[in-house]
PDB file of all heavy atoms in Angstrom:
ATOM      1  N   ARG A   1       3.997  13.375  -0.153  1.00  0.00           N
ATOM      2  CA  ARG A   1       3.911  12.730  -1.441  1.00  0.00           C
ATOM      3  C   ARG A   1       3.024  11.394  -1.500  1.00  0.00           C
ATOM      4  O   ARG A   1       2.890  10.916  -2.498  1.00  0.00           O
ATOM      5  CB  ARG A   1       5.391  12.266  -1.703  1.00  0.00           C
ATOM      6  CG  ARG A   1       6.261  13.403  -2.187  1.00  0.00           C
ATOM      7  CD  ARG A   1       7.690  12.922  -2.708  1.00  0.00           C
ATOM      8  NE  ARG A   1       8.568  12.498  -1.575  1.00  0.00           N
ATOM      9  CZ  ARG A   1       8.820  11.103  -1.294  1.00  0.00           C
ATOM     10  NH1 ARG A   1       8.303  10.283  -2.198  1.00  0.00           N
ATOM     11  NH2 ARG A   1       9.499  10.746  -0.404  1.00  0.00           N
ATOM     12  N   LEU A   2       2.474  11.122  -0.333  1.00  0.00           N
ATOM     13  CA  LEU A   2       1.612   9.964  -0.332  1.00  0.00           C
ATOM     14  C   LEU A   2       0.503   9.958  -1.338  1.00  0.00           C
ATOM     15  O   LEU A   2       0.169   8.908  -2.024  1.00  0.00           O
ATOM     16  CB  LEU A   2       0.990   9.802   1.001  1.00  0.00           C
ATOM     17  CG  LEU A   2       1.917   9.149   2.044  1.00  0.00           C
ATOM     18  CD1 LEU A   2       1.258   9.106   3.473  1.00  0.00           C
ATOM     19  CD2 LEU A   2       2.340   7.690   1.546  1.00  0.00           C
ATOM     20  N   PRO A   3      -0.365  11.122  -1.479  1.00  0.00           N
ATOM     21  CA  PRO A   3      -1.395  11.079  -2.513  1.00  0.00           C
ATOM     22  C   PRO A   3      -0.862  10.769  -3.822  1.00  0.00           C
ATOM     23  O   PRO A   3      -1.792  10.257  -4.744  1.00  0.00           O
ATOM     24  CB  PRO A   3      -1.934  12.505  -2.415  1.00  0.00           C
ATOM     25  CG  PRO A   3      -1.548  12.950  -1.150  1.00  0.00           C
ATOM     26  CD  PRO A   3      -0.318  12.416  -0.882  1.00  0.00           C
ATOM     27  N   TYR A   4       0.301  10.912  -4.302  1.00  0.00           N
ATOM     28  CA  TYR A   4       0.911  10.710  -5.607  1.00  0.00           C
ATOM     29  C   TYR A   4       1.540   9.370  -5.675  1.00  0.00           C
ATOM     30  O   TYR A   4       1.481   8.695  -6.727  1.00  0.00           O
ATOM     31  CB  TYR A   4       1.835  11.878  -5.973  1.00  0.00           C
ATOM     32  CG  TYR A   4       1.230  13.187  -5.907  1.00  0.00           C
ATOM     33  CD1 TYR A   4       1.483  14.038  -4.704  1.00  0.00           C
ATOM     34  CD2 TYR A   4       0.395  13.720  -6.855  1.00  0.00           C
ATOM     35  CE1 TYR A   4       0.989  15.207  -4.507  1.00  0.00           C
ATOM     36  CE2 TYR A   4      -0.093  15.059  -6.721  1.00  0.00           C
ATOM     37  CZ  TYR A   4       0.189  15.831  -5.493  1.00  0.00           C
ATOM     38  OH  TYR A   4      -0.366  16.997  -5.503  1.00  0.00           O
ATOM     39  N   THR A   5       2.215   9.000  -4.559  1.00  0.00           N
ATOM     40  CA  THR A   5       3.060   7.762  -4.718  1.00  0.00           C
ATOM     41  C   THR A   5       2.179   6.494  -4.335  1.00  0.00           C
ATOM     42  O   THR A   5       2.409   5.491  -4.943  1.00  0.00           O
ATOM     43  CB  THR A   5       4.069   7.824  -3.699  1.00  0.00           C
ATOM     44  OG1 THR A   5       3.628   8.044  -2.367  1.00  0.00           O
ATOM     45  CG2 THR A   5       5.062   8.923  -4.076  1.00  0.00           C
ATOM     46  N   VAL A   6       1.195   6.496  -3.474  1.00  0.00           N
ATOM     47  CA  VAL A   6       0.451   5.419  -3.020  1.00  0.00           C
ATOM     48  C   VAL A   6      -0.196   4.777  -4.174  1.00  0.00           C
ATOM     49  O   VAL A   6      -0.204   3.533  -4.350  1.00  0.00           O
ATOM     50  CB  VAL A   6      -0.522   5.700  -1.902  1.00  0.00           C
ATOM     51  CG1 VAL A   6      -1.478   4.596  -1.678  1.00  0.00           C
ATOM     52  CG2 VAL A   6       0.300   5.866  -0.547  1.00  0.00           C
ATOM     53  N   PRO A   7      -1.055   5.588  -5.028  1.00  0.00           N
ATOM     54  CA  PRO A   7      -1.718   4.786  -6.156  1.00  0.00           C
ATOM     55  C   PRO A   7      -0.808   4.136  -7.048  1.00  0.00           C
ATOM     56  O   PRO A   7      -1.017   3.020  -7.558  1.00  0.00           O
ATOM     57  CB  PRO A   7      -2.514   5.973  -6.809  1.00  0.00           C
ATOM     58  CG  PRO A   7      -2.721   7.057  -5.781  1.00  0.00           C
ATOM     59  CD  PRO A   7      -1.426   6.892  -4.928  1.00  0.00           C
ATOM     60  N   ARG A   8       0.393   4.835  -7.376  1.00  0.00           N
ATOM     61  CA  ARG A   8       1.344   4.091  -8.273  1.00  0.00           C
ATOM     62  C   ARG A   8       1.935   2.928  -7.711  1.00  0.00           C
ATOM     63  O   ARG A   8       2.118   1.904  -8.384  1.00  0.00           O
ATOM     64  CB  ARG A   8       2.448   5.158  -8.737  1.00  0.00           C
ATOM     65  CG  ARG A   8       3.361   4.712  -9.635  1.00  0.00           C
ATOM     66  CD  ARG A   8       4.311   5.715 -10.194  1.00  0.00           C
ATOM     67  NE  ARG A   8       5.186   6.261  -9.224  1.00  0.00           N
ATOM     68  CZ  ARG A   8       5.226   7.354  -8.621  1.00  0.00           C
ATOM     69  NH1 ARG A   8       4.251   8.244  -8.875  1.00  0.00           N
ATOM     70  NH2 ARG A   8       6.015   7.615  -7.637  1.00  0.00           N
ATOM     71  N   VAL A   9       2.299   2.991  -6.408  1.00  0.00           N
ATOM     72  CA  VAL A   9       2.890   1.802  -5.704  1.00  0.00           C
ATOM     73  C   VAL A   9       1.865   0.727  -5.681  1.00  0.00           C
ATOM     74  O   VAL A   9       2.186  -0.482  -5.921  1.00  0.00           O
ATOM     75  CB  VAL A   9       3.420   2.207  -4.290  1.00  0.00           C
ATOM     76  CG1 VAL A   9       3.841   0.966  -3.598  1.00  0.00           C
ATOM     77  CG2 VAL A   9       4.625   3.195  -4.501  1.00  0.00           C
ATOM     78  N   ALA A  10       0.663   1.045  -5.282  1.00  0.00           N
ATOM     79  CA  ALA A  10      -0.390   0.054  -5.129  1.00  0.00           C
ATOM     80  C   ALA A  10      -0.650  -0.663  -6.448  1.00  0.00           C
ATOM     81  O   ALA A  10      -0.833  -1.875  -6.537  1.00  0.00           O
ATOM     82  CB  ALA A  10      -1.792   0.730  -4.694  1.00  0.00           C
ATOM     83  N   LEU A  11      -0.753   0.126  -7.489  1.00  0.00           N
ATOM     84  CA  LEU A  11      -0.958  -0.568  -8.833  1.00  0.00           C
ATOM     85  C   LEU A  11       0.223  -1.516  -9.221  1.00  0.00           C
ATOM     86  O   LEU A  11      -0.014  -2.701  -9.575  1.00  0.00           O
ATOM     87  CB  LEU A  11      -1.143   0.565  -9.977  1.00  0.00           C
ATOM     88  CG  LEU A  11      -1.309  -0.002 -11.372  1.00  0.00           C
ATOM     89  CD1 LEU A  11      -2.701  -0.828 -11.496  1.00  0.00           C
ATOM     90  CD2 LEU A  11      -1.341   1.141 -12.425  1.00  0.00           C
ATOM     91  N   GLY A  12       1.402  -1.031  -9.053  1.00  0.00           N
ATOM     92  CA  GLY A  12       2.475  -1.958  -9.360  1.00  0.00           C
ATOM     93  C   GLY A  12       2.596  -3.104  -8.482  1.00  0.00           C
ATOM     94  O   GLY A  12       2.949  -4.306  -8.796  1.00  0.00           O
ATOM     95  N   THR A  13       2.251  -2.993  -7.179  1.00  0.00           N
ATOM     96  CA  THR A  13       2.283  -4.049  -6.218  1.00  0.00           C
ATOM     97  C   THR A  13       1.193  -5.116  -6.606  1.00  0.00           C
ATOM     98  O   THR A  13       1.445  -6.287  -6.542  1.00  0.00           O
ATOM     99  CB  THR A  13       1.965  -3.519  -4.714  1.00  0.00           C
ATOM    100  OG1 THR A  13       2.977  -2.624  -4.336  1.00  0.00           O
ATOM    101  CG2 THR A  13       1.869  -4.712  -3.793  1.00  0.00           C
ATOM    102  N   VAL A  14       0.065  -4.658  -6.961  1.00  0.00           N
ATOM    103  CA  VAL A  14      -1.168  -5.640  -7.221  1.00  0.00           C
ATOM    104  C   VAL A  14      -0.684  -6.323  -8.483  1.00  0.00           C
ATOM    105  O   VAL A  14      -0.993  -7.565  -8.550  1.00  0.00           O
ATOM    106  CB  VAL A  14      -2.470  -4.787  -7.338  1.00  0.00           C
ATOM    107  CG1 VAL A  14      -3.496  -5.733  -7.987  1.00  0.00           C
ATOM    108  CG2 VAL A  14      -2.875  -4.332  -6.062  1.00  0.00           C
ATOM    109  N   ARG A  15      -0.161  -5.689  -9.521  1.00  0.00           N
ATOM    110  CA  ARG A  15       0.262  -6.311 -10.822  1.00  0.00           C
ATOM    111  C   ARG A  15       1.269  -7.367 -10.512  1.00  0.00           C
ATOM    112  O   ARG A  15       1.176  -8.475 -11.121  1.00  0.00           O
ATOM    113  CB  ARG A  15       0.754  -5.242 -11.655  1.00  0.00           C
ATOM    114  CG  ARG A  15       0.986  -5.831 -13.205  1.00  0.00           C
ATOM    115  CD  ARG A  15       1.706  -4.885 -14.071  1.00  0.00           C
ATOM    116  NE  ARG A  15       0.844  -3.646 -14.282  1.00  0.00           N
ATOM    117  CZ  ARG A  15       1.104  -2.521 -13.939  1.00  0.00           C
ATOM    118  NH1 ARG A  15       2.254  -2.115 -13.312  1.00  0.00           N
ATOM    119  NH2 ARG A  15       0.304  -1.460 -14.207  1.00  0.00           N
ATOM    120  N   THR A  16       2.191  -7.185  -9.677  1.00  0.00           N
ATOM    121  CA  THR A  16       3.253  -8.049  -9.405  1.00  0.00           C
ATOM    122  C   THR A  16       2.672  -9.233  -8.570  1.00  0.00           C
ATOM    123  O   THR A  16       3.112 -10.363  -8.817  1.00  0.00           O
ATOM    124  CB  THR A  16       4.443  -7.384  -8.763  1.00  0.00           C
ATOM    125  OG1 THR A  16       4.925  -6.341  -9.639  1.00  0.00           O
ATOM    126  CG2 THR A  16       5.654  -8.364  -8.567  1.00  0.00           C
ATOM    127  N   LEU A  17       1.946  -8.901  -7.551  1.00  0.00           N
ATOM    128  CA  LEU A  17       1.571  -9.866  -6.670  1.00  0.00           C
ATOM    129  C   LEU A  17       0.391 -10.716  -7.109  1.00  0.00           C
ATOM    130  O   LEU A  17       0.132 -11.840  -6.488  1.00  0.00           O
ATOM    131  CB  LEU A  17       1.079  -9.268  -5.262  1.00  0.00           C
ATOM    132  CG  LEU A  17       2.158  -9.027  -4.267  1.00  0.00           C
ATOM    133  CD1 LEU A  17       1.421  -8.384  -2.952  1.00  0.00           C
ATOM    134  CD2 LEU A  17       2.918 -10.271  -3.892  1.00  0.00           C
ATOM    135  N   ALA A  18      -0.310 -10.371  -8.228  1.00  0.00           N
ATOM    136  CA  ALA A  18      -1.464 -11.196  -8.641  1.00  0.00           C
ATOM    137  C   ALA A  18      -1.032 -12.672  -8.864  1.00  0.00           C
ATOM    138  O   ALA A  18      -1.866 -13.488  -8.408  1.00  0.00           O
ATOM    139  CB  ALA A  18      -2.031 -10.515  -9.939  1.00  0.00           C
ATOM    140  N   PRO A  19      -0.081 -12.899  -9.612  1.00  0.00           N
ATOM    141  CA  PRO A  19       0.331 -14.437  -9.792  1.00  0.00           C
ATOM    142  C   PRO A  19       0.669 -15.062  -8.478  1.00  0.00           C
ATOM    143  O   PRO A  19       0.432 -16.218  -8.327  1.00  0.00           O
ATOM    144  CB  PRO A  19       1.437 -14.406 -10.826  1.00  0.00           C
ATOM    145  CG  PRO A  19       1.979 -13.099 -10.716  1.00  0.00           C
ATOM    146  CD  PRO A  19       0.929 -12.118 -10.349  1.00  0.00           C
ATOM    147  N   VAL A  20       1.236 -14.376  -7.613  1.00  0.00           N
ATOM    148  CA  VAL A  20       1.666 -14.964  -6.325  1.00  0.00           C
ATOM    149  C   VAL A  20       0.394 -15.299  -5.446  1.00  0.00           C
ATOM    150  O   VAL A  20       0.248 -16.368  -4.894  1.00  0.00           O
ATOM    151  CB  VAL A  20       2.460 -13.982  -5.524  1.00  0.00           C
ATOM    152  CG1 VAL A  20       3.035 -14.647  -4.141  1.00  0.00           C
ATOM    153  CG2 VAL A  20       3.700 -13.566  -6.247  1.00  0.00           C
ATOM    154  N   LEU A  21      -0.538 -14.319  -5.348  1.00  0.00           N
ATOM    155  CA  LEU A  21      -1.770 -14.661  -4.631  1.00  0.00           C
ATOM    156  C   LEU A  21      -2.559 -15.681  -5.217  1.00  0.00           C
ATOM    157  O   LEU A  21      -3.163 -16.507  -4.609  1.00  0.00           O
ATOM    158  CB  LEU A  21      -2.565 -13.286  -4.472  1.00  0.00           C
ATOM    159  CG  LEU A  21      -1.907 -12.117  -3.826  1.00  0.00           C
ATOM    160  CD1 LEU A  21      -2.674 -10.805  -3.872  1.00  0.00           C
ATOM    161  CD2 LEU A  21      -1.691 -12.485  -2.378  1.00  0.00           C
ATOM    162  N   LEU A  22      -2.619 -15.693  -6.610  1.00  0.00           N
ATOM    163  CA  LEU A  22      -3.339 -16.702  -7.285  1.00  0.00           C
ATOM    164  C   LEU A  22      -2.681 -18.118  -7.010  1.00  0.00           C
ATOM    165  O   LEU A  22      -3.424 -19.047  -6.807  1.00  0.00           O
ATOM    166  CB  LEU A  22      -3.311 -16.479  -8.796  1.00  0.00           C
ATOM    167  CG  LEU A  22      -4.152 -17.488  -9.647  1.00  0.00           C
ATOM    168  CD1 LEU A  22      -5.584 -17.464  -9.306  1.00  0.00           C
ATOM    169  CD2 LEU A  22      -3.896 -17.121 -11.133  1.00  0.00           C
ATOM    170  N   ALA A  23      -1.395 -18.071  -6.982  1.00  0.00           N
ATOM    171  CA  ALA A  23      -0.671 -19.445  -6.668  1.00  0.00           C
ATOM    172  C   ALA A  23      -1.009 -19.869  -5.310  1.00  0.00           C
ATOM    173  O   ALA A  23      -1.151 -21.098  -5.086  1.00  0.00           O
ATOM    174  CB  ALA A  23       0.792 -19.165  -6.841  1.00  0.00           C
ATOM    175  N   ALA A  24      -1.091 -18.923  -4.298  1.00  0.00           N
ATOM    176  CA  ALA A  24      -1.260 -19.389  -3.002  1.00  0.00           C
ATOM    177  C   ALA A  24      -2.727 -19.941  -2.638  1.00  0.00           C
ATOM    178  O   ALA A  24      -2.934 -20.692  -1.783  1.00  0.00           O
ATOM    179  CB  ALA A  24      -1.125 -18.145  -1.978  1.00  0.00           C
ATOM    180  N   VAL A  25      -3.691 -19.514  -3.527  1.00  0.00           N
ATOM    181  CA  VAL A  25      -5.071 -19.985  -3.329  1.00  0.00           C
ATOM    182  C   VAL A  25      -5.465 -21.050  -4.141  1.00  0.00           C
ATOM    183  O   VAL A  25      -6.508 -21.752  -4.033  1.00  0.00           O
ATOM    184  CB  VAL A  25      -6.052 -18.771  -3.249  1.00  0.00           C
ATOM    185  CG1 VAL A  25      -5.716 -17.813  -2.276  1.00  0.00           C
ATOM    186  CG2 VAL A  25      -6.088 -18.169  -4.651  1.00  0.00           C
ATOM    187  N   THR A  26      -4.688 -21.252  -5.306  1.00  0.00           N
ATOM    188  CA  THR A  26      -5.102 -22.252  -6.310  1.00  0.00           C
ATOM    189  C   THR A  26      -4.663 -23.621  -5.831  1.00  0.00           C
ATOM    190  O   THR A  26      -3.482 -23.881  -5.539  1.00  0.00           O
ATOM    191  CB  THR A  26      -4.383 -22.047  -7.567  1.00  0.00           C
ATOM    192  OG1 THR A  26      -4.828 -20.747  -8.086  1.00  0.00           O
ATOM    193  CG2 THR A  26      -4.896 -23.109  -8.633  1.00  0.00           C
ATOM    194  N   PRO A  27      -5.540 -24.604  -5.603  1.00  0.00           N
ATOM    195  CA  PRO A  27      -5.175 -26.033  -5.056  1.00  0.00           C
ATOM    196  C   PRO A  27      -4.227 -26.578  -6.079  1.00  0.00           C
ATOM    197  O   PRO A  27      -4.362 -26.564  -7.267  1.00  0.00           O
ATOM    198  CB  PRO A  27      -6.589 -26.664  -4.997  1.00  0.00           C
ATOM    199  CG  PRO A  27      -7.544 -25.604  -4.942  1.00  0.00           C
ATOM    200  CD  PRO A  27      -7.069 -24.507  -5.769  1.00  0.00           C
ATOM    201  N   VAL A  28      -3.369 -27.320  -5.489  1.00  0.00           N
ATOM    202  CA  VAL A  28      -2.325 -28.166  -6.225  1.00  0.00           C
ATOM    203  C   VAL A  28      -2.890 -29.687  -6.103  1.00  0.00           C
ATOM    204  O   VAL A  28      -3.837 -29.933  -5.302  1.00  0.00           O
ATOM    205  CB  VAL A  28      -0.845 -28.121  -5.804  1.00  0.00           C
ATOM    206  CG1 VAL A  28      -0.438 -26.738  -6.078  1.00  0.00           C
ATOM    207  CG2 VAL A  28      -0.766 -28.407  -4.322  1.00  0.00           C
ATOM    208  N   ALA A  29      -2.304 -30.559  -6.829  1.00  0.00           N
ATOM    209  CA  ALA A  29      -2.583 -31.973  -6.627  1.00  0.00           C
ATOM    210  C   ALA A  29      -2.415 -32.357  -5.151  1.00  0.00           C
ATOM    211  O   ALA A  29      -1.561 -32.061  -4.458  1.00  0.00           O
ATOM    212  CB  ALA A  29      -1.749 -32.807  -7.353  1.00  0.00           C
ATOM    213  N   GLU A  30      -3.466 -33.108  -4.632  1.00  0.00           N
ATOM    214  CA  GLU A  30      -3.487 -33.449  -3.175  1.00  0.00           C
ATOM    215  C   GLU A  30      -2.383 -34.464  -2.872  1.00  0.00           C
ATOM    216  O   GLU A  30      -2.145 -35.388  -3.556  1.00  0.00           O
ATOM    217  CB  GLU A  30      -4.960 -34.066  -2.848  1.00  0.00           C
ATOM    218  CG  GLU A  30      -5.028 -34.355  -1.414  1.00  0.00           C
ATOM    219  CD  GLU A  30      -6.508 -34.796  -1.118  1.00  0.00           C
ATOM    220  OE1 GLU A  30      -7.272 -34.750  -2.053  1.00  0.00           O
ATOM    221  OE2 GLU A  30      -6.676 -35.216   0.021  1.00  0.00           O
ATOM    222  N   THR A  31      -1.658 -34.085  -1.787  1.00  0.00           N
ATOM    223  CA  THR A  31      -0.684 -34.959  -1.186  1.00  0.00           C
ATOM    224  C   THR A  31      -0.763 -34.985   0.290  1.00  0.00           C
ATOM    225  O   THR A  31      -1.575 -34.204   0.896  1.00  0.00           O
ATOM    226  CB  THR A  31       0.728 -34.479  -1.580  1.00  0.00           C
ATOM    227  OG1 THR A  31       1.068 -33.353  -0.652  1.00  0.00           O
ATOM    228  CG2 THR A  31       0.973 -34.210  -3.087  1.00  0.00           C
ATOM    229  N   SER A  32      -0.091 -35.943   0.924  1.00  0.00           N
ATOM    230  CA  SER A  32      -0.113 -35.976   2.436  1.00  0.00           C
ATOM    231  C   SER A  32       0.545 -34.897   3.141  1.00  0.00           C
ATOM    232  O   SER A  32       0.549 -34.774   4.320  1.00  0.00           O
ATOM    233  CB  SER A  32       0.449 -37.316   2.817  1.00  0.00           C
ATOM    234  OG  SER A  32       1.779 -37.391   2.327  1.00  0.00           O
ATOM    235  N   LEU A  33       1.232 -33.982   2.346  1.00  0.00           N
ATOM    236  CA  LEU A  33       2.086 -32.914   2.844  1.00  0.00           C
ATOM    237  C   LEU A  33       1.140 -31.760   3.363  1.00  0.00           C
ATOM    238  O   LEU A  33       1.496 -30.867   4.116  1.00  0.00           O
ATOM    239  CB  LEU A  33       2.948 -32.298   1.858  1.00  0.00           C
ATOM    240  CG  LEU A  33       4.073 -33.373   1.367  1.00  0.00           C
ATOM    241  CD1 LEU A  33       4.941 -32.677   0.315  1.00  0.00           C
ATOM    242  CD2 LEU A  33       4.985 -33.831   2.605  1.00  0.00           C
ATOM    243  N   ASN A  34      -0.121 -31.762   3.033  1.00  0.00           N
ATOM    244  CA  ASN A  34      -0.967 -30.625   3.223  1.00  0.00           C
ATOM    245  C   ASN A  34      -2.305 -31.177   3.796  1.00  0.00           C
ATOM    246  O   ASN A  34      -2.853 -32.097   3.257  1.00  0.00           O
ATOM    247  CB  ASN A  34      -1.278 -29.819   1.897  1.00  0.00           C
ATOM    248  CG  ASN A  34      -2.251 -28.655   2.117  1.00  0.00           C
ATOM    249  OD1 ASN A  34      -3.402 -28.818   2.389  1.00  0.00           O
ATOM    250  ND2 ASN A  34      -1.710 -27.481   2.134  1.00  0.00           N
ATOM    251  N   GLY A  35      -2.717 -30.480   4.999  1.00  0.00           N
ATOM    252  CA  GLY A  35      -3.962 -31.108   5.553  1.00  0.00           C
ATOM    253  C   GLY A  35      -4.167 -30.657   6.995  1.00  0.00           C
ATOM    254  O   GLY A  35      -3.219 -29.933   7.485  1.00  0.00           O
ATOM    255  N   PRO A  36      -5.035 -30.923   7.676  1.00  0.00           N
ATOM    256  CA  PRO A  36      -5.274 -30.555   9.088  1.00  0.00           C
ATOM    257  C   PRO A  36      -4.110 -30.902   9.971  1.00  0.00           C
ATOM    258  O   PRO A  36      -3.479 -32.061   9.755  1.00  0.00           O
ATOM    259  CB  PRO A  36      -6.558 -31.282   9.559  1.00  0.00           C
ATOM    260  CG  PRO A  36      -7.346 -31.550   8.286  1.00  0.00           C
ATOM    261  CD  PRO A  36      -6.281 -31.859   7.298  1.00  0.00           C
ATOM    262  N   ILE A  37      -3.761 -30.172  10.883  1.00  0.00           N
ATOM    263  CA  ILE A  37      -2.664 -30.555  11.796  1.00  0.00           C
ATOM    264  C   ILE A  37      -3.106 -30.664  13.173  1.00  0.00           C
ATOM    265  O   ILE A  37      -4.163 -30.087  13.600  1.00  0.00           O
ATOM    266  CB  ILE A  37      -1.481 -29.536  11.679  1.00  0.00           C
ATOM    267  CG1 ILE A  37      -1.995 -28.073  12.164  1.00  0.00           C
ATOM    268  CG2 ILE A  37      -0.865 -29.405  10.354  1.00  0.00           C
ATOM    269  CD1 ILE A  37      -0.894 -26.999  12.105  1.00  0.00           C
ATOM    270  N   GLY A  38      -2.386 -31.406  13.979  1.00  0.00           N
ATOM    271  CA  GLY A  38      -2.789 -31.559  15.517  1.00  0.00           C
ATOM    272  C   GLY A  38      -1.988 -30.593  16.389  1.00  0.00           C
ATOM    273  O   GLY A  38      -1.445 -29.668  15.911  1.00  0.00           O
ATOM    274  N   ARG A  39      -2.011 -30.935  17.618  1.00  0.00           N
ATOM    275  CA  ARG A  39      -1.440 -30.032  18.546  1.00  0.00           C
ATOM    276  C   ARG A  39       0.019 -30.237  18.771  1.00  0.00           C
ATOM    277  O   ARG A  39       0.823 -29.457  19.196  1.00  0.00           O
ATOM    278  CB  ARG A  39      -2.172 -30.142  19.954  1.00  0.00           C
ATOM    279  CG  ARG A  39      -1.722 -29.233  21.067  1.00  0.00           C
ATOM    280  CD  ARG A  39      -2.241 -27.749  20.780  1.00  0.00           C
ATOM    281  NE  ARG A  39      -1.797 -26.835  21.868  1.00  0.00           N
ATOM    282  CZ  ARG A  39      -0.744 -26.163  21.736  1.00  0.00           C
ATOM    283  NH1 ARG A  39       0.180 -26.223  20.755  1.00  0.00           N
ATOM    284  NH2 ARG A  39      -0.411 -25.278  22.790  1.00  0.00           N
TER     285      ARG A  39
END
């Protein structure tokens, strides 16, 4: 069933995840909580 189910699942996944992925890469206002970390 993969040739039939994968395209449908992929389309629904991308549609749902689009705002999540956009949120993860869109910078928010800069705070001291985010930045380079040490060892």
